[in-house]
Amino acid sequence: MQGNLTDMSVGDLIQHTCQDGKRARLWLEREGRQAEIFFHSGQVTHAACGELTGEAALFALLEWDSGQFRLDPDMATGERTIDRSYTGLLLEGARLQDERRSDGGGAGPSPDGPTRSGMEGEMSAVVEALGKVEGVGGVVLVAADGVVLAHQIQGDPEKEGAVAAFVGAAAEQVGEAMSLGEFKRAVAVLGGGSILVFKHSGYYTGLMLAENASAAMVAAKAETALQDLG
């Protein structure tokens, strides 16, 4: 896939590629400057732009609102300069752009790209929809690095988010090591109840199950709620 950044922003390209979950390289060119971003298993692993690498390069590339891009599938790099989840990267990039815009240092993010408020609004809608599912006593959305993105929970969202991130990551690692296929969902029984964990849009979703609630039934209803949400 290739095209122009005026038609598809760097942020959108990152989001779509990570949600695809495959290994790829995104090559970018603007006014003679070339850059690249590498992806593996639904996350950004490395970025380079001139002398910049890692998150600094990625945040600089999120500012590009013109130029050419090409997405090369099944390309990898041995370098690992980024560990933060892609949702965390996009939120932080949008926050930095908001700061520059408020300080008069730039025009801010591309109108067609994912903005911080837009992503937060999408996550709030997901939390609200899942919170209405019968059998759900609480909802937490957490990035792979353990950062809580949104929640609707009575108690400690950081604690529940850490549990959801640990359970999801462990289940994915076991599934990959044993060739069990793509991770779909996992249930952990804790002292204070049970939590259903699955992955949605690149982040882990933890649903605290009400007493005597069926994990399978809740999972089916949650899937329907997300499909209705679009």
C-alpha atoms as a PDB file:
ATOM      1  CA  MET A   1       0.000   0.000   0.000  1.00  0.00           C
ATOM      2  CA  GLN A   2       1.280   3.458  -0.832  1.00  0.00           C
ATOM      3  CA  GLY A   3      -0.108   6.956  -1.054  1.00  0.00           C
ATOM      4  CA  ASN A   4       0.052  10.567   0.115  1.00  0.00           C
ATOM      5  CA  LEU A   5       0.026  11.775   3.708  1.00  0.00           C
ATOM      6  CA  THR A   6      -2.527  14.424   2.797  1.00  0.00           C
ATOM      7  CA  ASP A   7      -4.983  11.551   2.264  1.00  0.00           C
ATOM      8  CA  MET A   8      -3.976   9.377   5.224  1.00  0.00           C
ATOM      9  CA  SER A   9      -2.124  10.754   8.246  1.00  0.00           C
ATOM     10  CA  VAL A  10       0.835   9.121   9.979  1.00  0.00           C
ATOM     11  CA  GLY A  11      -1.317   8.585  13.071  1.00  0.00           C
ATOM     12  CA  ASP A  12      -3.993   6.780  11.079  1.00  0.00           C
ATOM     13  CA  LEU A  13      -1.368   4.636   9.356  1.00  0.00           C
ATOM     14  CA  ILE A  14       0.086   3.627  12.716  1.00  0.00           C
ATOM     15  CA  GLN A  15      -3.343   2.829  14.137  1.00  0.00           C
ATOM     16  CA  HIS A  16      -4.463   0.740  11.148  1.00  0.00           C
ATOM     17  CA  THR A  17      -1.166  -1.143  10.897  1.00  0.00           C
ATOM     18  CA  CYS A  18      -1.108  -1.981  14.601  1.00  0.00           C
ATOM     19  CA  GLN A  19      -4.711  -3.144  14.526  1.00  0.00           C
ATOM     20  CA  ASP A  20      -3.804  -5.403  11.607  1.00  0.00           C
ATOM     21  CA  GLY A  21      -1.307  -7.049  13.952  1.00  0.00           C
ATOM     22  CA  LYS A  22       1.220  -8.059  11.305  1.00  0.00           C
ATOM     23  CA  ARG A  23       4.906  -7.395  10.787  1.00  0.00           C
ATOM     24  CA  ALA A  24       5.540  -4.436   8.467  1.00  0.00           C
ATOM     25  CA  ARG A  25       7.620  -1.356   7.712  1.00  0.00           C
ATOM     26  CA  LEU A  26       6.150   2.071   7.022  1.00  0.00           C
ATOM     27  CA  TRP A  27       8.468   4.094   4.769  1.00  0.00           C
ATOM     28  CA  LEU A  28       7.957   7.865   4.654  1.00  0.00           C
ATOM     29  CA  GLU A  29       9.423  10.687   2.569  1.00  0.00           C
ATOM     30  CA  ARG A  30       8.898  14.436   2.818  1.00  0.00           C
ATOM     31  CA  GLU A  31      10.885  17.185   1.108  1.00  0.00           C
ATOM     32  CA  GLY A  32      13.859  14.886   0.561  1.00  0.00           C
ATOM     33  CA  ARG A  33      13.800  13.519   4.141  1.00  0.00           C
ATOM     34  CA  GLN A  34      13.214   9.816   4.593  1.00  0.00           C
ATOM     35  CA  ALA A  35      12.015   7.946   7.654  1.00  0.00           C
ATOM     36  CA  GLU A  36      10.736   4.525   8.657  1.00  0.00           C
ATOM     37  CA  ILE A  37       8.571   2.922  11.324  1.00  0.00           C
ATOM     38  CA  PHE A  38       8.582  -0.813  12.066  1.00  0.00           C
ATOM     39  CA  PHE A  39       5.691  -2.870  13.441  1.00  0.00           C
ATOM     40  CA  HIS A  40       5.448  -6.319  14.979  1.00  0.00           C
ATOM     41  CA  SER A  41       2.491  -8.129  16.592  1.00  0.00           C
ATOM     42  CA  GLY A  42       0.309  -5.030  16.777  1.00  0.00           C
ATOM     43  CA  GLN A  43       2.899  -2.681  18.266  1.00  0.00           C
ATOM     44  CA  VAL A  44       5.439  -0.128  17.070  1.00  0.00           C
ATOM     45  CA  THR A  45       8.954  -1.460  17.699  1.00  0.00           C
ATOM     46  CA  HIS A  46      11.306   1.059  16.067  1.00  0.00           C
ATOM     47  CA  ALA A  47      11.241   4.461  14.359  1.00  0.00           C
ATOM     48  CA  ALA A  48      13.994   6.480  12.701  1.00  0.00           C
ATOM     49  CA  CYS A  49      13.901   9.962  11.183  1.00  0.00           C
ATOM     50  CA  GLY A  50      17.247  11.549  10.389  1.00  0.00           C
ATOM     51  CA  GLU A  51      19.286  11.557  13.597  1.00  0.00           C
ATOM     52  CA  LEU A  52      16.215  10.835  15.716  1.00  0.00           C
ATOM     53  CA  THR A  53      15.256   7.312  16.778  1.00  0.00           C
ATOM     54  CA  GLY A  54      12.651   5.757  19.028  1.00  0.00           C
ATOM     55  CA  GLU A  55       9.802   7.804  20.472  1.00  0.00           C
ATOM     56  CA  ALA A  56      11.466  11.122  19.563  1.00  0.00           C
ATOM     57  CA  ALA A  57      11.430  10.104  15.894  1.00  0.00           C
ATOM     58  CA  LEU A  58       7.851   8.868  16.087  1.00  0.00           C
ATOM     59  CA  PHE A  59       6.550  12.068  17.695  1.00  0.00           C
ATOM     60  CA  ALA A  60       8.346  14.100  15.010  1.00  0.00           C
ATOM     61  CA  LEU A  61       6.754  11.993  12.271  1.00  0.00           C
ATOM     62  CA  LEU A  62       3.288  12.486  13.745  1.00  0.00           C
ATOM     63  CA  GLU A  63       3.739  16.158  12.808  1.00  0.00           C
ATOM     64  CA  TRP A  64       4.166  15.348   9.101  1.00  0.00           C
ATOM     65  CA  ASP A  65       1.042  16.442   7.234  1.00  0.00           C
ATOM     66  CA  SER A  66       2.423  16.021   3.708  1.00  0.00           C
ATOM     67  CA  GLY A  67       4.705  13.663   1.830  1.00  0.00           C
ATOM     68  CA  GLN A  68       4.624  10.115   0.507  1.00  0.00           C
ATOM     69  CA  PHE A  69       4.297   6.790   2.293  1.00  0.00           C
ATOM     70  CA  ARG A  70       4.661   3.112   1.451  1.00  0.00           C
ATOM     71  CA  LEU A  71       3.700   0.193   3.675  1.00  0.00           C
ATOM     72  CA  ASP A  72       5.922  -2.854   3.113  1.00  0.00           C
ATOM     73  CA  PRO A  73       4.470  -6.049   4.646  1.00  0.00           C
ATOM     74  CA  ASP A  74       6.510  -8.737   6.391  1.00  0.00           C
ATOM     75  CA  MET A  75       9.574  -6.549   6.961  1.00  0.00           C
ATOM     76  CA  ALA A  76      11.391  -6.577  10.305  1.00  0.00           C
ATOM     77  CA  THR A  77      14.319  -4.909  12.046  1.00  0.00           C
ATOM     78  CA  GLY A  78      16.644  -6.152  14.749  1.00  0.00           C
ATOM     79  CA  GLU A  79      16.434  -2.809  16.560  1.00  0.00           C
ATOM     80  CA  ARG A  80      13.955  -2.244  19.369  1.00  0.00           C
ATOM     81  CA  THR A  81      13.787   1.397  20.396  1.00  0.00           C
ATOM     82  CA  ILE A  82      10.106   1.638  21.388  1.00  0.00           C
ATOM     83  CA  ASP A  83       8.321  -0.315  24.137  1.00  0.00           C
ATOM     84  CA  ARG A  84       5.279   1.843  24.785  1.00  0.00           C
ATOM     85  CA  SER A  85       1.926   0.625  23.402  1.00  0.00           C
ATOM     86  CA  TYR A  86       0.768   2.260  20.187  1.00  0.00           C
ATOM     87  CA  THR A  87      -2.297   3.730  21.925  1.00  0.00           C
ATOM     88  CA  GLY A  88      -0.015   5.289  24.525  1.00  0.00           C
ATOM     89  CA  LEU A  89       2.231   6.656  21.770  1.00  0.00           C
ATOM     90  CA  LEU A  90      -0.653   8.249  19.895  1.00  0.00           C
ATOM     91  CA  LEU A  91      -2.117   9.768  23.048  1.00  0.00           C
ATOM     92  CA  GLU A  92       1.266  11.179  24.083  1.00  0.00           C
ATOM     93  CA  GLY A  93       1.898  12.478  20.563  1.00  0.00           C
ATOM     94  CA  ALA A  94      -1.479  14.201  20.548  1.00  0.00           C
ATOM     95  CA  ARG A  95      -0.780  15.670  23.997  1.00  0.00           C
ATOM     96  CA  LEU A  96       2.532  17.117  22.793  1.00  0.00           C
ATOM     97  CA  GLN A  97       0.821  18.587  19.739  1.00  0.00           C
ATOM     98  CA  ASP A  98      -1.874  20.110  21.969  1.00  0.00           C
ATOM     99  CA  GLU A  99       0.832  21.706  24.114  1.00  0.00           C
ATOM    100  CA  ARG A 100       2.598  23.198  21.098  1.00  0.00           C
ATOM    101  CA  ARG A 101      -0.676  24.485  19.718  1.00  0.00           C
ATOM    102  CA  SER A 102      -1.643  26.116  23.019  1.00  0.00           C
ATOM    103  CA  ASP A 103       1.822  27.705  23.204  1.00  0.00           C
ATOM    104  CA  GLY A 104       1.470  29.004  19.659  1.00  0.00           C
ATOM    105  CA  GLY A 105       4.204  26.701  18.408  1.00  0.00           C
ATOM    106  CA  GLY A 106       2.337  24.975  15.619  1.00  0.00           C
ATOM    107  CA  ALA A 107      -0.927  24.144  13.971  1.00  0.00           C
ATOM    108  CA  GLY A 108      -1.393  20.926  15.939  1.00  0.00           C
ATOM    109  CA  PRO A 109      -2.456  17.542  14.618  1.00  0.00           C
ATOM    110  CA  SER A 110      -3.808  16.942  11.160  1.00  0.00           C
ATOM    111  CA  PRO A 111      -7.620  17.347  11.098  1.00  0.00           C
ATOM    112  CA  ASP A 112      -7.970  13.864   9.617  1.00  0.00           C
ATOM    113  CA  GLY A 113      -5.607  12.155  12.071  1.00  0.00           C
ATOM    114  CA  PRO A 114      -6.478  10.642  15.442  1.00  0.00           C
ATOM    115  CA  THR A 115      -6.575  13.379  18.105  1.00  0.00           C
ATOM    116  CA  ARG A 116      -6.232  12.917  21.826  1.00  0.00           C
ATOM    117  CA  SER A 117      -9.807  14.014  22.467  1.00  0.00           C
ATOM    118  CA  GLY A 118     -11.047  11.755  19.674  1.00  0.00           C
ATOM    119  CA  MET A 119      -9.260   8.693  21.054  1.00  0.00           C
ATOM    120  CA  GLU A 120     -10.389   9.440  24.597  1.00  0.00           C
ATOM    121  CA  GLY A 121     -13.955   9.857  23.339  1.00  0.00           C
ATOM    122  CA  GLU A 122     -13.784   6.503  21.544  1.00  0.00           C
ATOM    123  CA  MET A 123     -12.502   4.759  24.679  1.00  0.00           C
ATOM    124  CA  SER A 124     -15.179   6.403  26.821  1.00  0.00           C
ATOM    125  CA  ALA A 125     -17.821   5.090  24.429  1.00  0.00           C
ATOM    126  CA  VAL A 126     -16.347   1.577  24.678  1.00  0.00           C
ATOM    127  CA  VAL A 127     -16.340   1.731  28.482  1.00  0.00           C
ATOM    128  CA  GLU A 128     -19.927   2.980  28.580  1.00  0.00           C
ATOM    129  CA  ALA A 129     -21.154   0.280  26.179  1.00  0.00           C
ATOM    130  CA  LEU A 130     -19.407  -2.546  28.023  1.00  0.00           C
ATOM    131  CA  GLY A 131     -20.500  -1.220  31.411  1.00  0.00           C
ATOM    132  CA  LYS A 132     -24.131  -1.809  30.379  1.00  0.00           C
ATOM    133  CA  VAL A 133     -23.558  -5.491  29.564  1.00  0.00           C
ATOM    134  CA  GLU A 134     -25.414  -7.785  31.951  1.00  0.00           C
ATOM    135  CA  GLY A 135     -23.016  -9.513  34.308  1.00  0.00           C
ATOM    136  CA  VAL A 136     -20.334  -6.788  34.140  1.00  0.00           C
ATOM    137  CA  GLY A 137     -19.476  -5.101  37.426  1.00  0.00           C
ATOM    138  CA  GLY A 138     -16.699  -2.864  36.127  1.00  0.00           C
ATOM    139  CA  VAL A 139     -14.621  -2.049  33.046  1.00  0.00           C
ATOM    140  CA  VAL A 140     -10.995  -1.065  32.614  1.00  0.00           C
ATOM    141  CA  LEU A 141      -9.088  -0.377  29.378  1.00  0.00           C
ATOM    142  CA  VAL A 142      -5.336  -0.727  29.714  1.00  0.00           C
ATOM    143  CA  ALA A 143      -2.397  -0.455  27.332  1.00  0.00           C
ATOM    144  CA  ALA A 144       0.117  -3.275  27.018  1.00  0.00           C
ATOM    145  CA  ASP A 145       2.550  -1.285  29.176  1.00  0.00           C
ATOM    146  CA  GLY A 146       0.027  -1.196  32.039  1.00  0.00           C
ATOM    147  CA  VAL A 147      -1.181   2.401  31.602  1.00  0.00           C
ATOM    148  CA  VAL A 148      -4.906   2.708  32.342  1.00  0.00           C
ATOM    149  CA  LEU A 149      -6.573   4.439  29.395  1.00  0.00           C
ATOM    150  CA  ALA A 150     -10.168   4.565  30.647  1.00  0.00           C
ATOM    151  CA  HIS A 151     -12.289   2.858  33.270  1.00  0.00           C
ATOM    152  CA  GLN A 152     -15.684   2.559  34.909  1.00  0.00           C
ATOM    153  CA  ILE A 153     -14.952   0.811  38.138  1.00  0.00           C
ATOM    154  CA  GLN A 154     -15.463   1.102  41.880  1.00  0.00           C
ATOM    155  CA  GLY A 155     -12.144   0.493  43.546  1.00  0.00           C
ATOM    156  CA  ASP A 156      -8.582   0.805  42.314  1.00  0.00           C
ATOM    157  CA  PRO A 157      -8.444   1.045  38.481  1.00  0.00           C
ATOM    158  CA  GLU A 158      -4.633   0.875  38.522  1.00  0.00           C
ATOM    159  CA  LYS A 159      -4.729  -2.469  40.330  1.00  0.00           C
ATOM    160  CA  GLU A 160      -7.398  -3.942  38.065  1.00  0.00           C
ATOM    161  CA  GLY A 161      -5.620  -2.534  35.011  1.00  0.00           C
ATOM    162  CA  ALA A 162      -2.354  -4.165  36.069  1.00  0.00           C
ATOM    163  CA  VAL A 163      -4.157  -7.498  36.452  1.00  0.00           C
ATOM    164  CA  ALA A 164      -5.785  -7.171  33.012  1.00  0.00           C
ATOM    165  CA  ALA A 165      -2.480  -6.268  31.339  1.00  0.00           C
ATOM    166  CA  PHE A 166      -0.638  -9.136  33.063  1.00  0.00           C
ATOM    167  CA  VAL A 167      -3.318 -11.728  32.268  1.00  0.00           C
ATOM    168  CA  GLY A 168      -3.621 -10.593  28.644  1.00  0.00           C
ATOM    169  CA  ALA A 169       0.133 -10.506  28.023  1.00  0.00           C
ATOM    170  CA  ALA A 170       0.676 -13.877  29.727  1.00  0.00           C
ATOM    171  CA  ALA A 171      -2.143 -15.494  27.747  1.00  0.00           C
ATOM    172  CA  GLU A 172      -0.741 -14.123  24.483  1.00  0.00           C
ATOM    173  CA  GLN A 173       2.753 -15.391  25.292  1.00  0.00           C
ATOM    174  CA  VAL A 174       1.489 -18.866  26.210  1.00  0.00           C
ATOM    175  CA  GLY A 175      -0.658 -19.019  23.090  1.00  0.00           C
ATOM    176  CA  GLU A 176       2.260 -18.029  20.891  1.00  0.00           C
ATOM    177  CA  ALA A 177       4.704 -20.421  22.570  1.00  0.00           C
ATOM    178  CA  MET A 178       2.289 -23.347  22.247  1.00  0.00           C
ATOM    179  CA  SER A 179       1.037 -22.385  18.762  1.00  0.00           C
ATOM    180  CA  LEU A 180      -2.535 -22.136  20.040  1.00  0.00           C
ATOM    181  CA  GLY A 181      -3.494 -19.400  17.599  1.00  0.00           C
ATOM    182  CA  GLU A 182      -4.566 -15.806  18.130  1.00  0.00           C
ATOM    183  CA  PHE A 183      -5.404 -14.741  21.692  1.00  0.00           C
ATOM    184  CA  LYS A 184      -9.136 -14.191  22.109  1.00  0.00           C
ATOM    185  CA  ARG A 185      -9.934 -14.023  25.815  1.00  0.00           C
ATOM    186  CA  ALA A 186      -8.872 -15.247  29.220  1.00  0.00           C
ATOM    187  CA  VAL A 187     -10.500 -15.444  32.642  1.00  0.00           C
ATOM    188  CA  ALA A 188      -8.627 -15.018  35.922  1.00  0.00           C
ATOM    189  CA  VAL A 189     -10.215 -15.961  39.235  1.00  0.00           C
ATOM    190  CA  LEU A 190      -8.985 -13.697  42.023  1.00  0.00           C
ATOM    191  CA  GLY A 191      -9.709 -13.485  45.713  1.00  0.00           C
ATOM    192  CA  GLY A 192     -12.231 -10.740  45.187  1.00  0.00           C
ATOM    193  CA  GLY A 193     -13.909 -12.175  42.074  1.00  0.00           C
ATOM    194  CA  SER A 194     -13.209 -12.902  38.415  1.00  0.00           C
ATOM    195  CA  ILE A 195     -11.979 -10.789  35.527  1.00  0.00           C
ATOM    196  CA  LEU A 196     -12.527 -11.452  31.829  1.00  0.00           C
ATOM    197  CA  VAL A 197      -9.723 -10.116  29.625  1.00  0.00           C
ATOM    198  CA  PHE A 198      -9.664  -9.692  25.857  1.00  0.00           C
ATOM    199  CA  LYS A 199      -7.942  -7.446  23.343  1.00  0.00           C
ATOM    200  CA  HIS A 200      -9.754  -4.686  21.460  1.00  0.00           C
ATOM    201  CA  SER A 201      -8.230  -2.013  19.191  1.00  0.00           C
ATOM    202  CA  GLY A 202      -4.725  -2.738  20.429  1.00  0.00           C
ATOM    203  CA  TYR A 203      -5.402  -2.466  24.172  1.00  0.00           C
ATOM    204  CA  TYR A 204      -6.548  -4.951  26.799  1.00  0.00           C
ATOM    205  CA  THR A 205     -10.075  -4.767  28.105  1.00  0.00           C
ATOM    206  CA  GLY A 206     -10.787  -6.116  31.570  1.00  0.00           C
ATOM    207  CA  LEU A 207     -14.365  -6.834  32.613  1.00  0.00           C
ATOM    208  CA  MET A 208     -14.974  -7.464  36.305  1.00  0.00           C
ATOM    209  CA  LEU A 209     -17.606 -10.180  36.430  1.00  0.00           C
ATOM    210  CA  ALA A 210     -20.563  -9.947  38.764  1.00  0.00           C
ATOM    211  CA  GLU A 211     -21.121 -12.823  41.175  1.00  0.00           C
ATOM    212  CA  ASN A 212     -22.347 -15.999  39.404  1.00  0.00           C
ATOM    213  CA  ALA A 213     -21.999 -14.350  35.975  1.00  0.00           C
ATOM    214  CA  SER A 214     -21.030 -16.664  33.106  1.00  0.00           C
ATOM    215  CA  ALA A 215     -17.771 -15.577  31.452  1.00  0.00           C
ATOM    216  CA  ALA A 216     -18.854 -17.095  28.135  1.00  0.00           C
ATOM    217  CA  MET A 217     -22.196 -15.283  28.174  1.00  0.00           C
ATOM    218  CA  VAL A 218     -20.600 -11.979  29.148  1.00  0.00           C
ATOM    219  CA  ALA A 219     -17.991 -12.378  26.396  1.00  0.00           C
ATOM    220  CA  ALA A 220     -20.692 -12.990  23.771  1.00  0.00           C
ATOM    221  CA  LYS A 221     -22.720  -9.968  24.922  1.00  0.00           C
ATOM    222  CA  ALA A 222     -19.605  -7.782  25.055  1.00  0.00           C
ATOM    223  CA  GLU A 223     -18.725  -8.752  21.498  1.00  0.00           C
ATOM    224  CA  THR A 224     -22.236  -7.812  20.367  1.00  0.00           C
ATOM    225  CA  ALA A 225     -22.016  -4.480  22.204  1.00  0.00           C
ATOM    226  CA  LEU A 226     -18.719  -3.633  20.498  1.00  0.00           C
ATOM    227  CA  GLN A 227     -20.104  -4.605  17.090  1.00  0.00           C
ATOM    228  CA  ASP A 228     -23.136  -2.360  17.673  1.00  0.00           C
ATOM    229  CA  LEU A 229     -20.740   0.419  18.661  1.00  0.00           C
ATOM    230  CA  GLY A 230     -18.898  -0.044  15.376  1.00  0.00           C
END
